[in-house]
Amino acid sequence: MTLQFNPGDDFSGVIDGLQSITVTRPGSSLAIRVDGALRRAVTTAEAESLKSTYTARSSPSEGKYTASDVTWHLPASELSQPPRLGDVIVVDDAQHWTVLAVLQTTLDSRWRCVCRNLAIVHGLDEYVDIEKATYSKGDGGADEPTWHTWKTGLPARIQPVAAEVKNLNGRQVTVTTFTVFLAQAVAVDHTHRLKGPDAAIYRITGYRKPDRIDTLMEISAVRTN
């Protein structure tokens, strides 16, 4: 008698440590819940293999993988559409893994996604909130903002980049400009501000979205308190 083994059918039954994750797509409302996902570290030998495999597929990492990169194995049957480069795998609303490369494997039964946790790789060891203003008329008739939390607990790095002495209301003050690095690209404008881990408030003066999916968003800001 010949035994038939289908690794696709048995994937969820023979692997320990399976997790439930959500696949999201920046700039869209896509959020696909996936059960039976498996996370594995990228070994040195595997990284060399991935380099040749994924560079040919124009991986945004240009074939360069870090020690903290992982491969997520996702059952194809759990996905209503295939994962794409730039998608984000979210674990427990806390860990975010950006998809750098995608390959369908095991008789087309699962997707293998090479991913990077940008917060870890880039040393984002602080957390910021983003607040959004709603405006209403004050007693003098001018629009006055009321601030509400819009995004909370975003991994960040707050880095001072320049300081300038200015005359403000007849006294000398030092105005420091900061660059705030975020792993998550967000749509901000003049109605938003940042709140740092020490309750410091930062007025947003500009931003630069990442030019590659494996790099960070940069927000220019001035501390106001």
C-alpha atoms as a PDB file:
ATOM      1  CA  MET A   1       0.000   0.000   0.000  1.00  0.00           C
ATOM      2  CA  THR A   2       1.322   3.454  -0.891  1.00  0.00           C
ATOM      3  CA  LEU A   3       0.698   6.224   1.601  1.00  0.00           C
ATOM      4  CA  GLN A   4      -0.258   9.585   0.116  1.00  0.00           C
ATOM      5  CA  PHE A   5       1.009  12.637   1.997  1.00  0.00           C
ATOM      6  CA  ASN A   6      -0.232  16.088   1.080  1.00  0.00           C
ATOM      7  CA  PRO A   7       1.782  18.676   3.032  1.00  0.00           C
ATOM      8  CA  GLY A   8      -0.759  21.325   2.185  1.00  0.00           C
ATOM      9  CA  ASP A   9      -3.640  19.434   3.825  1.00  0.00           C
ATOM     10  CA  ASP A  10      -1.603  18.513   6.884  1.00  0.00           C
ATOM     11  CA  PHE A  11       0.256  21.788   7.397  1.00  0.00           C
ATOM     12  CA  SER A  12      -1.925  23.018  10.245  1.00  0.00           C
ATOM     13  CA  GLY A  13      -1.947  19.623  11.930  1.00  0.00           C
ATOM     14  CA  VAL A  14       1.738  18.748  12.082  1.00  0.00           C
ATOM     15  CA  ILE A  15       3.315  22.114  13.004  1.00  0.00           C
ATOM     16  CA  ASP A  16       3.438  23.429  16.547  1.00  0.00           C
ATOM     17  CA  GLY A  17       3.378  27.112  17.431  1.00  0.00           C
ATOM     18  CA  LEU A  18       0.751  28.222  14.917  1.00  0.00           C
ATOM     19  CA  GLN A  19      -0.649  31.717  15.398  1.00  0.00           C
ATOM     20  CA  SER A  20      -3.596  33.819  14.327  1.00  0.00           C
ATOM     21  CA  ILE A  21      -2.566  36.969  12.476  1.00  0.00           C
ATOM     22  CA  THR A  22      -4.132  39.717  10.362  1.00  0.00           C
ATOM     23  CA  VAL A  23      -2.885  40.718   6.923  1.00  0.00           C
ATOM     24  CA  THR A  24      -3.388  44.440   6.301  1.00  0.00           C
ATOM     25  CA  ARG A  25      -2.639  46.629   3.298  1.00  0.00           C
ATOM     26  CA  PRO A  26      -1.479  50.230   3.948  1.00  0.00           C
ATOM     27  CA  GLY A  27      -3.679  52.779   2.231  1.00  0.00           C
ATOM     28  CA  SER A  28      -6.662  50.425   2.067  1.00  0.00           C
ATOM     29  CA  SER A  29      -9.259  48.886   4.356  1.00  0.00           C
ATOM     30  CA  LEU A  30      -7.999  45.348   3.724  1.00  0.00           C
ATOM     31  CA  ALA A  31      -7.742  43.285   6.912  1.00  0.00           C
ATOM     32  CA  ILE A  32      -7.760  39.493   6.468  1.00  0.00           C
ATOM     33  CA  ARG A  33      -7.785  37.331   9.573  1.00  0.00           C
ATOM     34  CA  VAL A  34      -5.592  34.245   9.079  1.00  0.00           C
ATOM     35  CA  ASP A  35      -5.509  31.257  11.420  1.00  0.00           C
ATOM     36  CA  GLY A  36      -2.723  28.679  11.339  1.00  0.00           C
ATOM     37  CA  ALA A  37       0.156  31.027  10.438  1.00  0.00           C
ATOM     38  CA  LEU A  38       3.685  29.895  11.240  1.00  0.00           C
ATOM     39  CA  ARG A  39       6.663  32.181  11.938  1.00  0.00           C
ATOM     40  CA  ARG A  40      10.225  31.018  11.378  1.00  0.00           C
ATOM     41  CA  ALA A  41      13.547  32.876  11.654  1.00  0.00           C
ATOM     42  CA  VAL A  42      15.609  33.397   8.498  1.00  0.00           C
ATOM     43  CA  THR A  43      18.853  31.442   8.947  1.00  0.00           C
ATOM     44  CA  THR A  44      22.171  32.455   7.381  1.00  0.00           C
ATOM     45  CA  ALA A  45      21.982  29.642   4.832  1.00  0.00           C
ATOM     46  CA  GLU A  46      18.379  30.466   4.007  1.00  0.00           C
ATOM     47  CA  ALA A  47      19.240  34.149   3.600  1.00  0.00           C
ATOM     48  CA  GLU A  48      21.719  33.258   0.858  1.00  0.00           C
ATOM     49  CA  SER A  49      19.068  31.198  -0.882  1.00  0.00           C
ATOM     50  CA  LEU A  50      16.517  33.971  -0.485  1.00  0.00           C
ATOM     51  CA  LYS A  51      18.977  36.474  -1.929  1.00  0.00           C
ATOM     52  CA  SER A  52      19.089  34.726  -5.286  1.00  0.00           C
ATOM     53  CA  THR A  53      15.404  33.761  -5.244  1.00  0.00           C
ATOM     54  CA  TYR A  54      13.881  37.101  -4.342  1.00  0.00           C
ATOM     55  CA  THR A  55      16.342  39.510  -5.952  1.00  0.00           C
ATOM     56  CA  ALA A  56      15.144  38.197  -9.288  1.00  0.00           C
ATOM     57  CA  ARG A  57      11.627  39.115  -8.193  1.00  0.00           C
ATOM     58  CA  SER A  58      12.664  42.716  -7.390  1.00  0.00           C
ATOM     59  CA  SER A  59      12.444  42.384  -3.634  1.00  0.00           C
ATOM     60  CA  PRO A  60      12.634  45.892  -2.102  1.00  0.00           C
ATOM     61  CA  SER A  61      15.337  44.692   0.278  1.00  0.00           C
ATOM     62  CA  GLU A  62      17.615  44.138  -2.749  1.00  0.00           C
ATOM     63  CA  GLY A  63      18.420  40.664  -1.474  1.00  0.00           C
ATOM     64  CA  LYS A  64      19.750  41.960   1.858  1.00  0.00           C
ATOM     65  CA  TYR A  65      18.237  40.321   4.919  1.00  0.00           C
ATOM     66  CA  THR A  66      18.847  41.034   8.592  1.00  0.00           C
ATOM     67  CA  ALA A  67      19.192  38.676  11.530  1.00  0.00           C
ATOM     68  CA  SER A  68      15.765  39.737  12.786  1.00  0.00           C
ATOM     69  CA  ASP A  69      13.930  38.980   9.517  1.00  0.00           C
ATOM     70  CA  VAL A  70      11.453  36.108   9.551  1.00  0.00           C
ATOM     71  CA  THR A  71       9.436  34.029   7.138  1.00  0.00           C
ATOM     72  CA  TRP A  72       5.713  33.814   7.736  1.00  0.00           C
ATOM     73  CA  HIS A  73       3.993  30.758   6.260  1.00  0.00           C
ATOM     74  CA  LEU A  74       0.311  31.464   5.549  1.00  0.00           C
ATOM     75  CA  PRO A  75      -2.231  28.818   4.456  1.00  0.00           C
ATOM     76  CA  ALA A  76      -3.516  29.855   1.030  1.00  0.00           C
ATOM     77  CA  SER A  77      -6.994  28.591   1.925  1.00  0.00           C
ATOM     78  CA  GLU A  78      -7.227  31.275   4.637  1.00  0.00           C
ATOM     79  CA  LEU A  79      -6.600  34.169   2.236  1.00  0.00           C
ATOM     80  CA  SER A  80      -9.252  35.613  -0.042  1.00  0.00           C
ATOM     81  CA  GLN A  81      -6.457  37.191  -2.101  1.00  0.00           C
ATOM     82  CA  PRO A  82      -2.702  36.620  -2.226  1.00  0.00           C
ATOM     83  CA  PRO A  83      -0.377  38.723  -0.060  1.00  0.00           C
ATOM     84  CA  ARG A  84       1.575  41.512  -1.772  1.00  0.00           C
ATOM     85  CA  LEU A  85       4.853  43.303  -1.218  1.00  0.00           C
ATOM     86  CA  GLY A  86       4.276  46.023   1.343  1.00  0.00           C
ATOM     87  CA  ASP A  87       1.424  44.251   3.122  1.00  0.00           C
ATOM     88  CA  VAL A  88       1.732  44.188   6.901  1.00  0.00           C
ATOM     89  CA  ILE A  89       1.229  41.104   9.072  1.00  0.00           C
ATOM     90  CA  VAL A  90      -0.140  42.191  12.446  1.00  0.00           C
ATOM     91  CA  VAL A  91       0.203  40.005  15.542  1.00  0.00           C
ATOM     92  CA  ASP A  92      -1.913  40.828  18.617  1.00  0.00           C
ATOM     93  CA  ASP A  93      -2.210  44.487  17.479  1.00  0.00           C
ATOM     94  CA  ALA A  94       1.362  45.002  18.721  1.00  0.00           C
ATOM     95  CA  GLN A  95       3.871  43.465  16.319  1.00  0.00           C
ATOM     96  CA  HIS A  96       3.903  44.611  12.705  1.00  0.00           C
ATOM     97  CA  TRP A  97       5.842  42.694  10.044  1.00  0.00           C
ATOM     98  CA  THR A  98       6.259  44.286   6.599  1.00  0.00           C
ATOM     99  CA  VAL A  99       6.201  41.831   3.695  1.00  0.00           C
ATOM    100  CA  LEU A 100       9.405  42.157   1.631  1.00  0.00           C
ATOM    101  CA  ALA A 101       8.992  39.138  -0.618  1.00  0.00           C
ATOM    102  CA  VAL A 102       6.315  36.560  -1.437  1.00  0.00           C
ATOM    103  CA  LEU A 103       6.567  33.029  -2.809  1.00  0.00           C
ATOM    104  CA  GLN A 104       3.865  30.370  -3.143  1.00  0.00           C
ATOM    105  CA  THR A 105       5.105  26.979  -1.975  1.00  0.00           C
ATOM    106  CA  THR A 106       4.073  23.437  -1.021  1.00  0.00           C
ATOM    107  CA  LEU A 107       1.928  22.554  -4.005  1.00  0.00           C
ATOM    108  CA  ASP A 108       0.514  26.095  -4.005  1.00  0.00           C
ATOM    109  CA  SER A 109      -1.150  25.457  -0.625  1.00  0.00           C
ATOM    110  CA  ARG A 110       0.623  28.175   1.348  1.00  0.00           C
ATOM    111  CA  TRP A 111       2.282  31.538   0.918  1.00  0.00           C
ATOM    112  CA  ARG A 112       5.801  32.107   2.170  1.00  0.00           C
ATOM    113  CA  CYS A 113       6.346  35.751   3.101  1.00  0.00           C
ATOM    114  CA  VAL A 114       9.745  37.151   4.034  1.00  0.00           C
ATOM    115  CA  CYS A 115       9.035  39.910   6.538  1.00  0.00           C
ATOM    116  CA  ARG A 116      10.791  42.575   8.560  1.00  0.00           C
ATOM    117  CA  ASN A 117       9.770  44.213  11.829  1.00  0.00           C
ATOM    118  CA  LEU A 118      10.848  47.766  11.033  1.00  0.00           C
ATOM    119  CA  ALA A 119      10.464  48.903  14.646  1.00  0.00           C
ATOM    120  CA  ILE A 120      13.074  46.371  15.784  1.00  0.00           C
ATOM    121  CA  VAL A 121      15.498  46.783  12.874  1.00  0.00           C
ATOM    122  CA  HIS A 122      15.548  50.586  13.146  1.00  0.00           C
ATOM    123  CA  GLY A 123      15.642  50.721  16.941  1.00  0.00           C
ATOM    124  CA  LEU A 124      12.301  52.426  17.501  1.00  0.00           C
ATOM    125  CA  ASP A 125      12.364  52.253  21.297  1.00  0.00           C
ATOM    126  CA  GLU A 126       9.787  54.964  22.103  1.00  0.00           C
ATOM    127  CA  TYR A 127       6.050  55.251  21.587  1.00  0.00           C
ATOM    128  CA  VAL A 128       4.032  58.232  20.394  1.00  0.00           C
ATOM    129  CA  ASP A 129       0.370  59.059  20.031  1.00  0.00           C
ATOM    130  CA  ILE A 130      -1.057  61.116  17.190  1.00  0.00           C
ATOM    131  CA  GLU A 131      -3.839  63.521  18.114  1.00  0.00           C
ATOM    132  CA  LYS A 132      -6.296  65.126  15.717  1.00  0.00           C
ATOM    133  CA  ALA A 133      -8.016  68.464  16.178  1.00  0.00           C
ATOM    134  CA  THR A 134     -11.670  69.287  15.741  1.00  0.00           C
ATOM    135  CA  TYR A 135     -12.423  73.001  15.525  1.00  0.00           C
ATOM    136  CA  SER A 136     -15.247  75.063  16.998  1.00  0.00           C
ATOM    137  CA  LYS A 137     -15.834  78.760  17.473  1.00  0.00           C
ATOM    138  CA  GLY A 138     -14.459  80.187  20.711  1.00  0.00           C
ATOM    139  CA  ASP A 139     -15.794  83.111  22.723  1.00  0.00           C
ATOM    140  CA  GLY A 140     -13.922  85.555  20.491  1.00  0.00           C
ATOM    141  CA  GLY A 141     -15.244  83.983  17.303  1.00  0.00           C
ATOM    142  CA  ALA A 142     -11.943  82.337  16.318  1.00  0.00           C
ATOM    143  CA  ASP A 143     -11.648  78.637  15.581  1.00  0.00           C
ATOM    144  CA  GLU A 144     -10.238  76.800  18.592  1.00  0.00           C
ATOM    145  CA  PRO A 145      -9.006  73.190  18.485  1.00  0.00           C
ATOM    146  CA  THR A 146     -10.066  70.324  20.705  1.00  0.00           C
ATOM    147  CA  TRP A 147      -7.585  67.470  20.543  1.00  0.00           C
ATOM    148  CA  HIS A 148      -8.579  63.802  20.396  1.00  0.00           C
ATOM    149  CA  THR A 149      -6.374  60.713  20.223  1.00  0.00           C
ATOM    150  CA  TRP A 150      -6.302  59.420  16.632  1.00  0.00           C
ATOM    151  CA  LYS A 151      -3.501  56.825  16.719  1.00  0.00           C
ATOM    152  CA  THR A 152      -1.971  55.461  19.884  1.00  0.00           C
ATOM    153  CA  GLY A 153       1.160  53.550  20.849  1.00  0.00           C
ATOM    154  CA  LEU A 154       3.071  53.888  17.563  1.00  0.00           C
ATOM    155  CA  PRO A 155       6.701  52.671  17.813  1.00  0.00           C
ATOM    156  CA  ALA A 156       8.928  55.682  17.141  1.00  0.00           C
ATOM    157  CA  ARG A 157      12.306  57.315  17.564  1.00  0.00           C
ATOM    158  CA  ILE A 158      12.367  61.037  18.406  1.00  0.00           C
ATOM    159  CA  GLN A 159      15.615  62.605  17.266  1.00  0.00           C
ATOM    160  CA  PRO A 160      16.589  66.286  17.687  1.00  0.00           C
ATOM    161  CA  VAL A 161      18.095  67.645  14.478  1.00  0.00           C
ATOM    162  CA  ALA A 162      18.456  71.420  14.914  1.00  0.00           C
ATOM    163  CA  ALA A 163      18.098  74.212  17.478  1.00  0.00           C
ATOM    164  CA  GLU A 164      17.529  77.912  16.822  1.00  0.00           C
ATOM    165  CA  VAL A 165      17.369  80.852  19.220  1.00  0.00           C
ATOM    166  CA  LYS A 166      14.372  83.074  18.486  1.00  0.00           C
ATOM    167  CA  ASN A 167      12.811  86.183  19.971  1.00  0.00           C
ATOM    168  CA  LEU A 168       9.330  85.288  21.154  1.00  0.00           C
ATOM    169  CA  ASN A 169       7.171  87.962  22.815  1.00  0.00           C
ATOM    170  CA  GLY A 170      10.244  89.920  23.832  1.00  0.00           C
ATOM    171  CA  ARG A 171      12.272  87.048  25.238  1.00  0.00           C
ATOM    172  CA  GLN A 172      14.883  84.714  23.839  1.00  0.00           C
ATOM    173  CA  VAL A 173      13.807  81.084  23.459  1.00  0.00           C
ATOM    174  CA  THR A 174      15.432  78.035  21.915  1.00  0.00           C
ATOM    175  CA  VAL A 175      13.277  76.250  19.361  1.00  0.00           C
ATOM    176  CA  THR A 176      14.346  72.670  18.700  1.00  0.00           C
ATOM    177  CA  THR A 177      13.332  70.815  15.569  1.00  0.00           C
ATOM    178  CA  PHE A 178      12.922  67.041  15.738  1.00  0.00           C
ATOM    179  CA  THR A 179      12.626  64.224  13.260  1.00  0.00           C
ATOM    180  CA  VAL A 180      10.217  61.534  14.427  1.00  0.00           C
ATOM    181  CA  PHE A 181      10.747  58.178  12.732  1.00  0.00           C
ATOM    182  CA  LEU A 182       7.741  55.853  12.441  1.00  0.00           C
ATOM    183  CA  ALA A 183       7.575  52.283  11.153  1.00  0.00           C
ATOM    184  CA  GLN A 184       3.931  52.813  10.179  1.00  0.00           C
ATOM    185  CA  ALA A 185       3.217  55.284   7.391  1.00  0.00           C
ATOM    186  CA  VAL A 186       0.276  57.475   8.376  1.00  0.00           C
ATOM    187  CA  ALA A 187      -1.563  60.287   6.614  1.00  0.00           C
ATOM    188  CA  VAL A 188      -0.953  63.428   8.682  1.00  0.00           C
ATOM    189  CA  ASP A 189      -1.610  67.114   8.022  1.00  0.00           C
ATOM    190  CA  HIS A 190      -1.939  70.433   9.877  1.00  0.00           C
ATOM    191  CA  THR A 191      -4.820  69.068  11.978  1.00  0.00           C
ATOM    192  CA  HIS A 192      -2.554  66.506  13.668  1.00  0.00           C
ATOM    193  CA  ARG A 193       0.078  66.713  16.364  1.00  0.00           C
ATOM    194  CA  LEU A 194       2.335  64.218  18.157  1.00  0.00           C
ATOM    195  CA  LYS A 195       2.360  63.372  21.848  1.00  0.00           C
ATOM    196  CA  GLY A 196       5.577  61.841  23.134  1.00  0.00           C
ATOM    197  CA  PRO A 197       6.063  59.281  25.923  1.00  0.00           C
ATOM    198  CA  ASP A 198       6.813  62.092  28.414  1.00  0.00           C
ATOM    199  CA  ALA A 199       3.589  63.932  27.435  1.00  0.00           C
ATOM    200  CA  ALA A 200       5.602  66.369  25.291  1.00  0.00           C
ATOM    201  CA  ILE A 201       3.567  67.870  22.438  1.00  0.00           C
ATOM    202  CA  TYR A 202       5.085  68.247  18.965  1.00  0.00           C
ATOM    203  CA  ARG A 203       3.632  70.425  16.220  1.00  0.00           C
ATOM    204  CA  ILE A 204       3.976  68.780  12.814  1.00  0.00           C
ATOM    205  CA  THR A 205       5.759  70.980  10.257  1.00  0.00           C
ATOM    206  CA  GLY A 206       6.219  68.444   7.484  1.00  0.00           C
ATOM    207  CA  TYR A 207       6.673  64.791   6.668  1.00  0.00           C
ATOM    208  CA  ARG A 208       8.339  62.456   4.214  1.00  0.00           C
ATOM    209  CA  LYS A 209       6.804  59.099   3.483  1.00  0.00           C
ATOM    210  CA  PRO A 210       9.187  56.172   2.925  1.00  0.00           C
ATOM    211  CA  ASP A 211      10.428  55.735  -0.630  1.00  0.00           C
ATOM    212  CA  ARG A 212      10.760  51.971  -0.049  1.00  0.00           C
ATOM    213  CA  ILE A 213       8.599  49.622   1.962  1.00  0.00           C
ATOM    214  CA  ASP A 214      11.520  48.596   4.169  1.00  0.00           C
ATOM    215  CA  THR A 215      12.329  52.163   5.289  1.00  0.00           C
ATOM    216  CA  LEU A 216      10.711  54.550   7.750  1.00  0.00           C
ATOM    217  CA  MET A 217       8.337  57.481   7.594  1.00  0.00           C
ATOM    218  CA  GLU A 218       9.890  60.744   8.823  1.00  0.00           C
ATOM    219  CA  ILE A 219       7.904  63.546  10.452  1.00  0.00           C
ATOM    220  CA  SER A 220       9.430  66.982  11.060  1.00  0.00           C
ATOM    221  CA  ALA A 221       8.128  68.533  14.266  1.00  0.00           C
ATOM    222  CA  VAL A 222       8.699  71.298  16.810  1.00  0.00           C
ATOM    223  CA  ARG A 223       8.139  70.747  20.510  1.00  0.00           C
ATOM    224  CA  THR A 224       5.546  73.175  21.903  1.00  0.00           C
ATOM    225  CA  ASN A 225       5.718  72.531  25.668  1.00  0.00           C
END
